[in-house]
Amino acid sequence: MASDDRLIVALDVPNILDGLDLARRIGDAAGFYKIGLGMLTGGGLALANELKQEQGKRIFLDLKLFDIGATVEAAVRGLAQYEPDFLTVHGDPQVVRAAAAGKAGKPTRILAVTILTSLDRADLDANLIRPGDLREIALERAARALEAGADGVIASPQEAAMIRALPQAAGKLIVTPGVRPAGAAAGDQKRVATPAQAVADGADHIVVGRPVWQAADPRAAVLAINAELANPQARHPNR
């Protein structure tokens, strides 16, 4: 079965050698990989360059940038030289505007983080985030980020359908972490869904990490997810 680029495999491993080994074991079953902040000091940018330039893979740099506007703009300008397909920033409008300015002229798509999928209402309370339904807050943050120039948003599967219905979301990307195949442990994710359900609810791409890299056979795990995405259930109106 050919790879399905709606699936983004998270290379949440310690270093470039482990990342290359995992990509080798998966082979042509996956064509899109996420490299996160935890891998940055382990050669993450070199891994991104190797996978994209030498192996023809698509790359998602999940760095969740957050700083003053000038710093975000400079960071995005530098990272865009690697031409990652996706790059994440926090969804605060001023951060999104700076990132959009920084990537000017490059094909990289800026994705805004609404609320981390590892958080629930109790976490928001501890962080002094205003009261209210978590999904409604995520929805409002998504709308504001898209209005500020984001190419898409990162949101949990449980918010995907609501965000897809926003007027601001027309033609924009929704990428959902916190996706777990049926029977897989949730781990540190608190707002999860299966791959087919996440796509049916409006996601353009899903991110799966532990169920792949912890599997005895990562390639087989990816192929199983690809098969689920081939199901007619895995369709949504943005397609």
Protein backbone atom coordinates (compact mmCIF):
# COMPACT_ATOMS: atom_id res chain seq x y z
CA MET A 1 0.00 0.00 0.00
CA ALA A 2 1.32 3.47 -0.91
CA SER A 3 1.98 6.07 1.76
CA ASP A 4 -0.81 8.48 2.70
CA ASP A 5 0.46 11.99 3.39
CA ARG A 6 -2.50 12.67 5.63
CA LEU A 7 -0.49 10.66 8.16
CA ILE A 8 2.45 12.48 9.70
CA VAL A 9 4.72 10.18 11.70
CA ALA A 10 6.28 11.87 14.74
CA LEU A 11 9.97 11.05 15.05
CA ASP A 12 9.97 11.47 18.82
CA VAL A 13 13.32 9.76 19.24
CA PRO A 14 16.51 11.08 20.91
CA ASN A 15 18.77 11.83 17.96
CA ILE A 16 19.36 11.85 14.22
CA LEU A 17 20.68 8.29 14.12
CA ASP A 18 17.56 6.90 15.76
CA GLY A 19 15.42 9.07 13.50
CA LEU A 20 17.11 7.81 10.34
CA ASP A 21 16.83 4.24 11.56
CA LEU A 22 13.11 4.58 12.24
CA ALA A 23 12.53 6.17 8.83
CA ARG A 24 14.51 3.32 7.25
CA ARG A 25 12.39 0.70 9.01
CA ILE A 26 9.18 2.41 7.88
CA GLY A 27 10.45 2.81 4.32
CA ASP A 28 8.00 3.92 1.66
CA ALA A 29 4.99 3.36 3.94
CA ALA A 30 5.27 6.96 5.19
CA GLY A 31 6.06 10.13 3.29
CA PHE A 32 5.61 12.81 5.95
CA TYR A 33 7.54 13.16 9.23
CA LYS A 34 7.35 15.46 12.25
CA ILE A 35 10.48 16.58 14.05
CA GLY A 36 9.84 18.26 17.38
CA LEU A 37 11.61 20.46 19.89
CA GLY A 38 12.87 17.49 21.88
CA MET A 39 14.98 16.40 18.90
CA LEU A 40 16.42 19.82 18.11
CA THR A 41 19.65 19.29 20.08
CA GLY A 42 19.92 15.73 18.76
CA GLY A 43 20.42 16.85 15.19
CA GLY A 44 16.81 17.59 14.35
CA LEU A 45 17.51 20.16 11.63
CA ALA A 46 20.11 17.90 10.02
CA LEU A 47 17.58 15.07 10.09
CA ALA A 48 14.97 17.31 8.50
CA ASN A 49 17.39 18.24 5.74
CA GLU A 50 18.40 14.61 5.13
CA LEU A 51 14.85 13.33 4.94
CA LYS A 52 13.64 16.16 2.72
CA GLN A 53 16.56 16.74 0.38
CA GLU A 54 17.97 13.21 0.11
CA GLN A 55 14.89 11.04 0.62
CA GLY A 56 12.13 13.25 -0.76
CA LYS A 57 10.03 13.20 2.42
CA ARG A 58 7.79 16.02 3.59
CA ILE A 59 8.78 17.62 6.89
CA PHE A 60 6.84 19.17 9.75
CA LEU A 61 9.00 21.15 12.20
CA ASP A 62 6.97 21.25 15.38
CA LEU A 63 8.85 23.87 17.40
CA LYS A 64 5.89 25.90 18.77
CA LEU A 65 7.78 29.17 18.58
CA PHE A 66 6.82 31.89 21.05
CA ASP A 67 8.69 35.13 21.68
CA ILE A 68 8.58 38.82 20.83
CA GLY A 69 7.67 39.54 17.22
CA ALA A 70 11.16 40.42 15.97
CA THR A 71 12.63 37.22 17.40
CA VAL A 72 9.88 35.00 15.97
CA GLU A 73 10.23 36.65 12.57
CA ALA A 74 14.00 36.12 12.56
CA ALA A 75 13.67 32.50 13.73
CA VAL A 76 11.11 31.67 11.05
CA ARG A 77 13.23 33.37 8.37
CA GLY A 78 16.16 31.16 9.34
CA LEU A 79 14.14 27.96 9.58
CA ALA A 80 12.39 28.61 6.27
CA GLN A 81 15.73 28.19 4.52
CA TYR A 82 15.34 24.46 5.22
CA GLU A 83 11.95 24.67 3.45
CA PRO A 84 9.97 22.58 5.95
CA ASP A 85 6.45 21.97 4.73
CA PHE A 86 4.92 22.91 8.09
CA LEU A 87 6.23 24.97 11.02
CA THR A 88 4.35 25.57 14.27
CA VAL A 89 4.09 28.71 16.37
CA HIS A 90 1.86 29.52 19.31
CA GLY A 91 -1.48 30.88 18.13
CA ASP A 92 -1.26 34.34 19.69
CA PRO A 93 -2.06 36.77 16.86
CA GLN A 94 1.11 38.84 17.24
CA VAL A 95 3.22 35.68 17.05
CA VAL A 96 1.37 34.46 13.97
CA ARG A 97 1.79 37.80 12.19
CA ALA A 98 5.52 37.79 12.90
CA ALA A 99 5.87 34.21 11.64
CA ALA A 100 3.96 35.01 8.45
CA ALA A 101 6.33 37.92 7.81
CA GLY A 102 9.35 35.73 8.48
CA LYS A 103 8.41 33.04 5.98
CA ALA A 104 7.60 35.51 3.19
CA GLY A 105 8.53 34.07 -0.20
CA LYS A 106 9.01 30.53 1.10
CA PRO A 107 6.56 27.63 0.71
CA THR A 108 6.55 26.75 4.42
CA ARG A 109 3.07 26.79 5.94
CA ILE A 110 2.69 28.36 9.36
CA LEU A 111 0.46 26.36 11.72
CA ALA A 112 -0.83 27.94 14.90
CA VAL A 113 -1.18 25.99 18.14
CA THR A 114 -4.54 26.64 19.79
CA ILE A 115 -4.40 24.69 23.07
CA LEU A 116 -1.96 21.82 23.56
CA THR A 117 -3.67 18.45 23.32
CA SER A 118 -2.07 17.37 26.60
CA LEU A 119 -4.06 20.05 28.50
CA ASP A 120 -7.52 19.94 30.01
CA ARG A 121 -9.63 22.50 31.89
CA ALA A 122 -7.78 21.89 35.15
CA ASP A 123 -4.49 22.71 33.42
CA LEU A 124 -5.96 25.92 32.02
CA ASP A 125 -7.09 26.89 35.52
CA ALA A 126 -3.58 26.30 36.86
CA ASN A 127 -2.20 28.50 34.06
CA LEU A 128 -4.66 31.30 34.86
CA ILE A 129 -6.40 30.95 31.48
CA ARG A 130 -9.84 32.55 31.56
CA PRO A 131 -12.81 30.41 32.62
CA GLY A 132 -14.93 28.73 29.99
CA ASP A 133 -15.28 25.60 27.93
CA LEU A 134 -11.92 24.45 26.62
CA ARG A 135 -13.31 23.74 23.16
CA GLU A 136 -14.82 27.21 22.89
CA ILE A 137 -11.50 28.79 23.87
CA ALA A 138 -9.67 26.66 21.29
CA LEU A 139 -12.22 27.69 18.67
CA GLU A 140 -11.76 31.39 19.41
CA ARG A 141 -7.98 31.08 19.38
CA ALA A 142 -8.14 29.27 16.04
CA ALA A 143 -10.30 32.00 14.49
CA ARG A 144 -7.96 34.73 15.71
CA ALA A 145 -4.85 32.90 14.49
CA LEU A 146 -6.32 32.33 11.04
CA GLU A 147 -7.34 35.99 10.80
CA ALA A 148 -3.75 36.92 11.72
CA GLY A 149 -2.37 35.00 8.73
CA ALA A 150 -1.85 31.39 9.84
CA ASP A 151 -2.01 28.81 7.05
CA GLY A 152 -3.70 26.41 9.43
CA VAL A 153 -4.01 25.34 13.02
CA ILE A 154 -3.00 22.55 15.35
CA ALA A 155 -5.99 21.32 17.31
CA SER A 156 -7.16 18.20 19.05
CA PRO A 157 -9.48 15.85 17.15
CA GLN A 158 -12.27 16.93 19.48
CA GLU A 159 -12.10 20.51 18.17
CA ALA A 160 -11.51 19.71 14.49
CA ALA A 161 -15.17 19.70 13.41
CA MET A 162 -15.88 22.99 15.18
CA ILE A 163 -12.85 24.67 13.65
CA ARG A 164 -13.64 23.31 10.19
CA ALA A 165 -17.02 25.04 10.39
CA LEU A 166 -15.42 28.47 10.96
CA PRO A 167 -15.63 30.87 8.00
CA GLN A 168 -11.95 31.67 8.61
CA ALA A 169 -11.05 27.98 8.13
CA ALA A 170 -12.07 27.79 4.46
CA GLY A 171 -9.09 26.49 2.52
CA LYS A 172 -6.94 26.32 5.67
CA LEU A 173 -5.23 23.30 7.20
CA ILE A 174 -6.20 21.49 10.38
CA VAL A 175 -3.53 19.18 11.79
CA THR A 176 -4.42 16.99 14.73
CA PRO A 177 -2.01 15.40 17.20
CA GLY A 178 -3.45 13.24 19.96
CA VAL A 179 -4.51 10.61 17.43
CA ARG A 180 -4.48 7.00 18.57
CA PRO A 181 -5.45 3.89 16.60
CA ALA A 182 -8.19 1.85 18.25
CA GLY A 183 -6.82 0.02 21.29
CA ALA A 184 -3.69 2.18 21.65
CA ALA A 185 -2.89 3.78 25.00
CA ALA A 186 -3.61 7.52 25.26
CA GLY A 187 -0.26 8.22 26.96
CA ASP A 188 0.00 11.90 27.97
CA GLN A 189 -2.72 12.97 25.55
CA LYS A 190 -6.08 13.92 27.08
CA ARG A 191 -8.20 14.73 24.00
CA VAL A 192 -7.84 11.88 21.52
CA ALA A 193 -9.58 10.18 18.58
CA THR A 194 -8.90 7.43 16.06
CA PRO A 195 -7.29 8.34 12.70
CA ALA A 196 -10.46 7.87 10.65
CA GLN A 197 -12.58 9.81 13.13
CA ALA A 198 -10.13 12.73 13.24
CA VAL A 199 -10.16 13.04 9.45
CA ALA A 200 -13.92 12.62 9.23
CA ASP A 201 -14.26 15.45 11.75
CA GLY A 202 -12.24 17.86 9.61
CA ALA A 203 -8.52 17.15 9.98
CA ASP A 204 -6.34 17.41 6.87
CA HIS A 205 -3.44 15.65 8.57
CA ILE A 206 -3.06 13.51 11.69
CA VAL A 207 0.09 13.11 13.76
CA VAL A 208 0.89 9.73 15.27
CA GLY A 209 3.99 9.05 17.35
CA ARG A 210 4.10 6.44 20.11
CA PRO A 211 1.85 3.86 18.39
CA VAL A 212 4.43 3.83 15.58
CA TRP A 213 7.84 4.24 17.16
CA GLN A 214 6.98 2.03 20.15
CA ALA A 215 5.66 -0.75 17.90
CA ALA A 216 7.70 -3.92 17.41
CA ASP A 217 7.16 -3.38 13.67
CA PRO A 218 6.82 0.37 12.93
CA ARG A 219 6.21 -0.24 9.23
CA ALA A 220 3.29 -2.56 9.98
CA ALA A 221 1.87 0.04 12.39
CA VAL A 222 2.03 2.72 9.68
CA LEU A 223 0.45 0.42 7.10
CA ALA A 224 -2.42 -0.30 9.49
CA ILE A 225 -3.07 3.43 9.90
CA ASN A 226 -2.89 3.94 6.12
CA ALA A 227 -5.48 1.19 5.71
CA GLU A 228 -7.78 2.93 8.20
CA LEU A 229 -7.37 6.22 6.33
CA ALA A 230 -8.37 4.45 3.10
CA ASN A 231 -11.76 3.69 4.66
CA PRO A 232 -14.59 5.83 3.21
CA GLN A 233 -15.23 7.13 6.75
CA ALA A 234 -11.97 9.08 6.53
CA ARG A 235 -13.33 11.90 4.38
CA HIS A 236 -14.34 15.45 5.20
CA PRO A 237 -15.83 18.44 3.37
CA ASN A 238 -12.49 20.24 2.88
CA ARG A 239 -11.48 17.57 0.36
